[in-house]
Amino acid sequence: MSERPPGPELLGTRLRHLLELLDGAVAASYADVGLPGFRPRFTPVIRALARTSPAAIRDLARATGVTHSAASQTVAQMAKEGLVTLAPGDDGRQRIVHLTGRAESLLLVLDAEWAATTEAAGRLEAELSYPLSRVVDEALAALGRRPMRERIADVLSESTT
């Protein structure tokens, strides 16, 4: 008897594994070009700041497609690495992010890595029956319309009626 591959019951686990494979490979490619320990999630922030520095964290979140909380956490890690500095905004609640000279010195290498990663991702998608980026966009949109928590609650209420 052949074992059936996992289905939706292990979706979160399998997505985390996929993300580990993707992020791990990108991080390794940064190490290959002399940037050991550089986190892949820093690059979109640095690229956004290169276009519009300085920027508020909320603007960086919007530009990079993540939540304000995720952008804030990434910026905090980047500040520890000496890639950005933070200053208070006009209203005191807002934090304004500036690139450091260190981050600016990495732009050429990061742009080349970004282009190579984008091309490699396109080639990966060409091997798939359905583009992964499109599936992710559709899943995010569906969860935006109706969060997973509500979906689970519906199933649980159906089973008790």
C-alpha atoms as a PDB file:
ATOM      1  CA  MET A   1       0.000   0.000   0.000  1.00  0.00           C
ATOM      2  CA  SER A   2       1.481   3.365  -1.005  1.00  0.00           C
ATOM      3  CA  GLU A   3       1.286   6.222   1.426  1.00  0.00           C
ATOM      4  CA  ARG A   4      -0.635   9.254   0.228  1.00  0.00           C
ATOM      5  CA  PRO A   5       1.306  12.558   0.349  1.00  0.00           C
ATOM      6  CA  PRO A   6       0.201  14.941   3.088  1.00  0.00           C
ATOM      7  CA  GLY A   7      -2.735  17.172   2.262  1.00  0.00           C
ATOM      8  CA  PRO A   8      -4.167  20.258   3.902  1.00  0.00           C
ATOM      9  CA  GLU A   9      -3.793  18.764   7.380  1.00  0.00           C
ATOM     10  CA  LEU A  10      -0.059  19.555   7.277  1.00  0.00           C
ATOM     11  CA  LEU A  11      -0.272  22.757   5.230  1.00  0.00           C
ATOM     12  CA  GLY A  12       1.348  25.015   7.843  1.00  0.00           C
ATOM     13  CA  THR A  13       4.152  22.544   8.500  1.00  0.00           C
ATOM     14  CA  ARG A  14       4.859  22.106   4.804  1.00  0.00           C
ATOM     15  CA  LEU A  15       4.753  25.853   4.137  1.00  0.00           C
ATOM     16  CA  ARG A  16       7.260  26.462   6.952  1.00  0.00           C
ATOM     17  CA  HIS A  17       9.520  23.797   5.426  1.00  0.00           C
ATOM     18  CA  LEU A  18       9.211  25.412   1.992  1.00  0.00           C
ATOM     19  CA  LEU A  19      10.053  28.809   3.463  1.00  0.00           C
ATOM     20  CA  GLU A  20      13.060  27.320   5.272  1.00  0.00           C
ATOM     21  CA  LEU A  21      14.307  25.840   1.988  1.00  0.00           C
ATOM     22  CA  LEU A  22      13.842  29.122   0.109  1.00  0.00           C
ATOM     23  CA  ASP A  23      15.179  31.469   2.798  1.00  0.00           C
ATOM     24  CA  GLY A  24      18.021  29.127   3.687  1.00  0.00           C
ATOM     25  CA  ALA A  25      19.197  29.012   0.083  1.00  0.00           C
ATOM     26  CA  VAL A  26      18.984  32.793  -0.313  1.00  0.00           C
ATOM     27  CA  ALA A  27      20.886  33.308   2.953  1.00  0.00           C
ATOM     28  CA  ALA A  28      23.538  30.844   1.748  1.00  0.00           C
ATOM     29  CA  SER A  29      23.877  32.776  -1.508  1.00  0.00           C
ATOM     30  CA  TYR A  30      24.486  35.954   0.509  1.00  0.00           C
ATOM     31  CA  ALA A  31      27.213  34.109   2.420  1.00  0.00           C
ATOM     32  CA  ASP A  32      28.674  33.000  -0.929  1.00  0.00           C
ATOM     33  CA  VAL A  33      29.160  36.659  -1.920  1.00  0.00           C
ATOM     34  CA  GLY A  34      30.736  37.656   1.395  1.00  0.00           C
ATOM     35  CA  LEU A  35      27.679  38.525   3.493  1.00  0.00           C
ATOM     36  CA  PRO A  36      27.488  35.727   6.071  1.00  0.00           C
ATOM     37  CA  GLY A  37      24.600  36.150   8.484  1.00  0.00           C
ATOM     38  CA  PHE A  38      22.776  38.608   6.231  1.00  0.00           C
ATOM     39  CA  ARG A  39      19.030  37.932   6.433  1.00  0.00           C
ATOM     40  CA  PRO A  40      17.056  37.756   3.195  1.00  0.00           C
ATOM     41  CA  ARG A  41      14.237  39.803   4.698  1.00  0.00           C
ATOM     42  CA  PHE A  42      16.599  42.794   5.036  1.00  0.00           C
ATOM     43  CA  THR A  43      16.974  43.227   1.282  1.00  0.00           C
ATOM     44  CA  PRO A  44      13.452  44.446   0.435  1.00  0.00           C
ATOM     45  CA  VAL A  45      13.708  47.024   3.244  1.00  0.00           C
ATOM     46  CA  ILE A  46      17.115  48.240   2.077  1.00  0.00           C
ATOM     47  CA  ARG A  47      15.892  48.438  -1.519  1.00  0.00           C
ATOM     48  CA  ALA A  48      12.783  50.390  -0.450  1.00  0.00           C
ATOM     49  CA  LEU A  49      14.899  52.783   1.607  1.00  0.00           C
ATOM     50  CA  ALA A  50      17.328  53.224  -1.275  1.00  0.00           C
ATOM     51  CA  ARG A  51      14.382  54.578  -3.285  1.00  0.00           C
ATOM     52  CA  THR A  52      12.709  56.672  -0.578  1.00  0.00           C
ATOM     53  CA  SER A  53      14.999  57.124   2.411  1.00  0.00           C
ATOM     54  CA  PRO A  54      14.116  58.122   5.016  1.00  0.00           C
ATOM     55  CA  ALA A  55      10.797  56.349   5.496  1.00  0.00           C
ATOM     56  CA  ALA A  56       8.336  55.602   8.264  1.00  0.00           C
ATOM     57  CA  ILE A  57       8.026  51.973   9.311  1.00  0.00           C
ATOM     58  CA  ARG A  58       4.385  51.889   8.123  1.00  0.00           C
ATOM     59  CA  ASP A  59       5.548  52.990   4.662  1.00  0.00           C
ATOM     60  CA  LEU A  60       8.222  50.284   4.642  1.00  0.00           C
ATOM     61  CA  ALA A  61       5.610  47.700   5.636  1.00  0.00           C
ATOM     62  CA  ARG A  62       3.427  48.780   2.714  1.00  0.00           C
ATOM     63  CA  ALA A  63       6.373  48.844   0.280  1.00  0.00           C
ATOM     64  CA  THR A  64       7.554  45.371   1.274  1.00  0.00           C
ATOM     65  CA  GLY A  65       4.144  43.707   1.637  1.00  0.00           C
ATOM     66  CA  VAL A  66       4.372  42.817   5.321  1.00  0.00           C
ATOM     67  CA  THR A  67       2.538  43.869   8.468  1.00  0.00           C
ATOM     68  CA  HIS A  68       3.650  46.896  10.467  1.00  0.00           C
ATOM     69  CA  SER A  69       4.698  44.535  13.265  1.00  0.00           C
ATOM     70  CA  ALA A  70       6.861  42.436  10.927  1.00  0.00           C
ATOM     71  CA  ALA A  71       8.459  45.555   9.423  1.00  0.00           C
ATOM     72  CA  SER A  72       9.136  46.944  12.899  1.00  0.00           C
ATOM     73  CA  GLN A  73      10.821  43.706  14.005  1.00  0.00           C
ATOM     74  CA  THR A  74      12.935  43.573  10.836  1.00  0.00           C
ATOM     75  CA  VAL A  75      13.969  47.216  11.211  1.00  0.00           C
ATOM     76  CA  ALA A  76      14.942  46.594  14.852  1.00  0.00           C
ATOM     77  CA  GLN A  77      17.180  43.697  13.792  1.00  0.00           C
ATOM     78  CA  MET A  78      18.648  45.813  10.997  1.00  0.00           C
ATOM     79  CA  ALA A  79      19.442  48.579  13.479  1.00  0.00           C
ATOM     80  CA  LYS A  80      21.323  46.050  15.648  1.00  0.00           C
ATOM     81  CA  GLU A  81      23.320  45.068  12.550  1.00  0.00           C
ATOM     82  CA  GLY A  82      24.181  48.702  11.798  1.00  0.00           C
ATOM     83  CA  LEU A  83      22.183  48.798   8.561  1.00  0.00           C
ATOM     84  CA  VAL A  84      19.653  51.459   9.582  1.00  0.00           C
ATOM     85  CA  THR A  85      19.175  54.154  12.167  1.00  0.00           C
ATOM     86  CA  LEU A  86      15.882  55.212  13.728  1.00  0.00           C
ATOM     87  CA  ALA A  87      14.661  58.677  14.595  1.00  0.00           C
ATOM     88  CA  PRO A  88      11.360  59.846  16.047  1.00  0.00           C
ATOM     89  CA  GLY A  89       8.780  61.133  13.584  1.00  0.00           C
ATOM     90  CA  ASP A  90       6.795  64.353  13.772  1.00  0.00           C
ATOM     91  CA  ASP A  91       4.103  63.015  16.089  1.00  0.00           C
ATOM     92  CA  GLY A  92       6.371  61.037  18.417  1.00  0.00           C
ATOM     93  CA  ARG A  93       4.616  57.707  17.753  1.00  0.00           C
ATOM     94  CA  GLN A  94       6.129  57.317  14.339  1.00  0.00           C
ATOM     95  CA  ARG A  95       9.686  56.060  13.836  1.00  0.00           C
ATOM     96  CA  ILE A  96      11.624  57.163  10.781  1.00  0.00           C
ATOM     97  CA  VAL A  97      14.188  54.786   9.292  1.00  0.00           C
ATOM     98  CA  HIS A  98      17.400  55.906   7.577  1.00  0.00           C
ATOM     99  CA  LEU A  99      19.937  53.770   5.718  1.00  0.00           C
ATOM    100  CA  THR A 100      23.452  53.786   7.112  1.00  0.00           C
ATOM    101  CA  GLY A 101      26.576  54.087   5.012  1.00  0.00           C
ATOM    102  CA  ARG A 102      27.162  50.382   5.622  1.00  0.00           C
ATOM    103  CA  ALA A 103      23.807  49.484   4.032  1.00  0.00           C
ATOM    104  CA  GLU A 104      24.401  51.861   1.130  1.00  0.00           C
ATOM    105  CA  SER A 105      27.755  50.172   0.465  1.00  0.00           C
ATOM    106  CA  LEU A 106      25.915  46.851   0.022  1.00  0.00           C
ATOM    107  CA  LEU A 107      23.437  48.088  -2.592  1.00  0.00           C
ATOM    108  CA  LEU A 108      25.317  46.861  -5.685  1.00  0.00           C
ATOM    109  CA  VAL A 109      25.735  43.348  -4.304  1.00  0.00           C
ATOM    110  CA  LEU A 110      22.160  43.263  -2.992  1.00  0.00           C
ATOM    111  CA  ASP A 111      20.755  44.435  -6.316  1.00  0.00           C
ATOM    112  CA  ALA A 112      22.688  41.691  -8.142  1.00  0.00           C
ATOM    113  CA  GLU A 113      21.494  39.068  -5.647  1.00  0.00           C
ATOM    114  CA  TRP A 114      17.918  40.376  -5.926  1.00  0.00           C
ATOM    115  CA  ALA A 115      18.001  40.079  -9.719  1.00  0.00           C
ATOM    116  CA  ALA A 116      19.490  36.571  -9.550  1.00  0.00           C
ATOM    117  CA  THR A 117      16.980  35.467  -6.908  1.00  0.00           C
ATOM    118  CA  THR A 118      14.083  36.867  -8.948  1.00  0.00           C
ATOM    119  CA  GLU A 119      15.271  35.025 -12.064  1.00  0.00           C
ATOM    120  CA  ALA A 120      15.829  31.787 -10.121  1.00  0.00           C
ATOM    121  CA  ALA A 121      12.328  32.079  -8.595  1.00  0.00           C
ATOM    122  CA  GLY A 122      10.880  32.529 -12.073  1.00  0.00           C
ATOM    123  CA  ARG A 123      12.676  29.410 -13.241  1.00  0.00           C
ATOM    124  CA  LEU A 124      11.374  27.486 -10.229  1.00  0.00           C
ATOM    125  CA  GLU A 125       7.829  28.613 -11.021  1.00  0.00           C
ATOM    126  CA  ALA A 126       8.293  27.458 -14.628  1.00  0.00           C
ATOM    127  CA  GLU A 127       8.818  23.918 -13.296  1.00  0.00           C
ATOM    128  CA  LEU A 128       5.567  23.978 -11.337  1.00  0.00           C
ATOM    129  CA  SER A 129       2.089  23.197 -12.599  1.00  0.00           C
ATOM    130  CA  TYR A 130       0.857  26.492 -11.138  1.00  0.00           C
ATOM    131  CA  PRO A 131       2.995  29.569 -10.283  1.00  0.00           C
ATOM    132  CA  LEU A 132       3.740  29.570  -6.562  1.00  0.00           C
ATOM    133  CA  SER A 133       3.590  33.370  -6.359  1.00  0.00           C
ATOM    134  CA  ARG A 134       0.054  33.294  -7.755  1.00  0.00           C
ATOM    135  CA  VAL A 135      -1.040  30.622  -5.275  1.00  0.00           C
ATOM    136  CA  VAL A 136       0.427  32.657  -2.408  1.00  0.00           C
ATOM    137  CA  ASP A 137      -1.340  35.825  -3.634  1.00  0.00           C
ATOM    138  CA  GLU A 138      -4.646  33.965  -3.891  1.00  0.00           C
ATOM    139  CA  ALA A 139      -4.234  32.404  -0.433  1.00  0.00           C
ATOM    140  CA  LEU A 140      -3.410  35.779   1.129  1.00  0.00           C
ATOM    141  CA  ALA A 141      -6.427  37.365  -0.556  1.00  0.00           C
ATOM    142  CA  ALA A 142      -8.731  34.544   0.578  1.00  0.00           C
ATOM    143  CA  LEU A 143      -7.456  34.819   4.159  1.00  0.00           C
ATOM    144  CA  GLY A 144      -7.863  38.582   3.980  1.00  0.00           C
ATOM    145  CA  ARG A 145     -11.514  38.071   3.086  1.00  0.00           C
ATOM    146  CA  ARG A 146     -12.006  35.393   5.723  1.00  0.00           C
ATOM    147  CA  PRO A 147      -9.295  34.604   8.292  1.00  0.00           C
ATOM    148  CA  MET A 148      -8.354  31.009   9.024  1.00  0.00           C
ATOM    149  CA  ARG A 149      -9.565  31.390  12.607  1.00  0.00           C
ATOM    150  CA  GLU A 150     -13.113  32.025  11.332  1.00  0.00           C
ATOM    151  CA  ARG A 151     -12.859  29.075   8.975  1.00  0.00           C
ATOM    152  CA  ILE A 152     -11.810  26.786  11.829  1.00  0.00           C
ATOM    153  CA  ALA A 153     -14.589  28.123  14.063  1.00  0.00           C
ATOM    154  CA  ASP A 154     -17.138  27.393  11.324  1.00  0.00           C
ATOM    155  CA  VAL A 155     -15.982  23.808  11.001  1.00  0.00           C
ATOM    156  CA  LEU A 156     -16.039  23.340  14.760  1.00  0.00           C
ATOM    157  CA  SER A 157     -19.563  24.785  15.041  1.00  0.00           C
ATOM    158  CA  GLU A 158     -20.763  22.563  12.203  1.00  0.00           C
ATOM    159  CA  SER A 159     -19.465  19.494  14.039  1.00  0.00           C
ATOM    160  CA  THR A 160     -21.365  20.390  17.219  1.00  0.00           C
ATOM    161  CA  THR A 161     -24.711  20.915  15.504  1.00  0.00           C
END
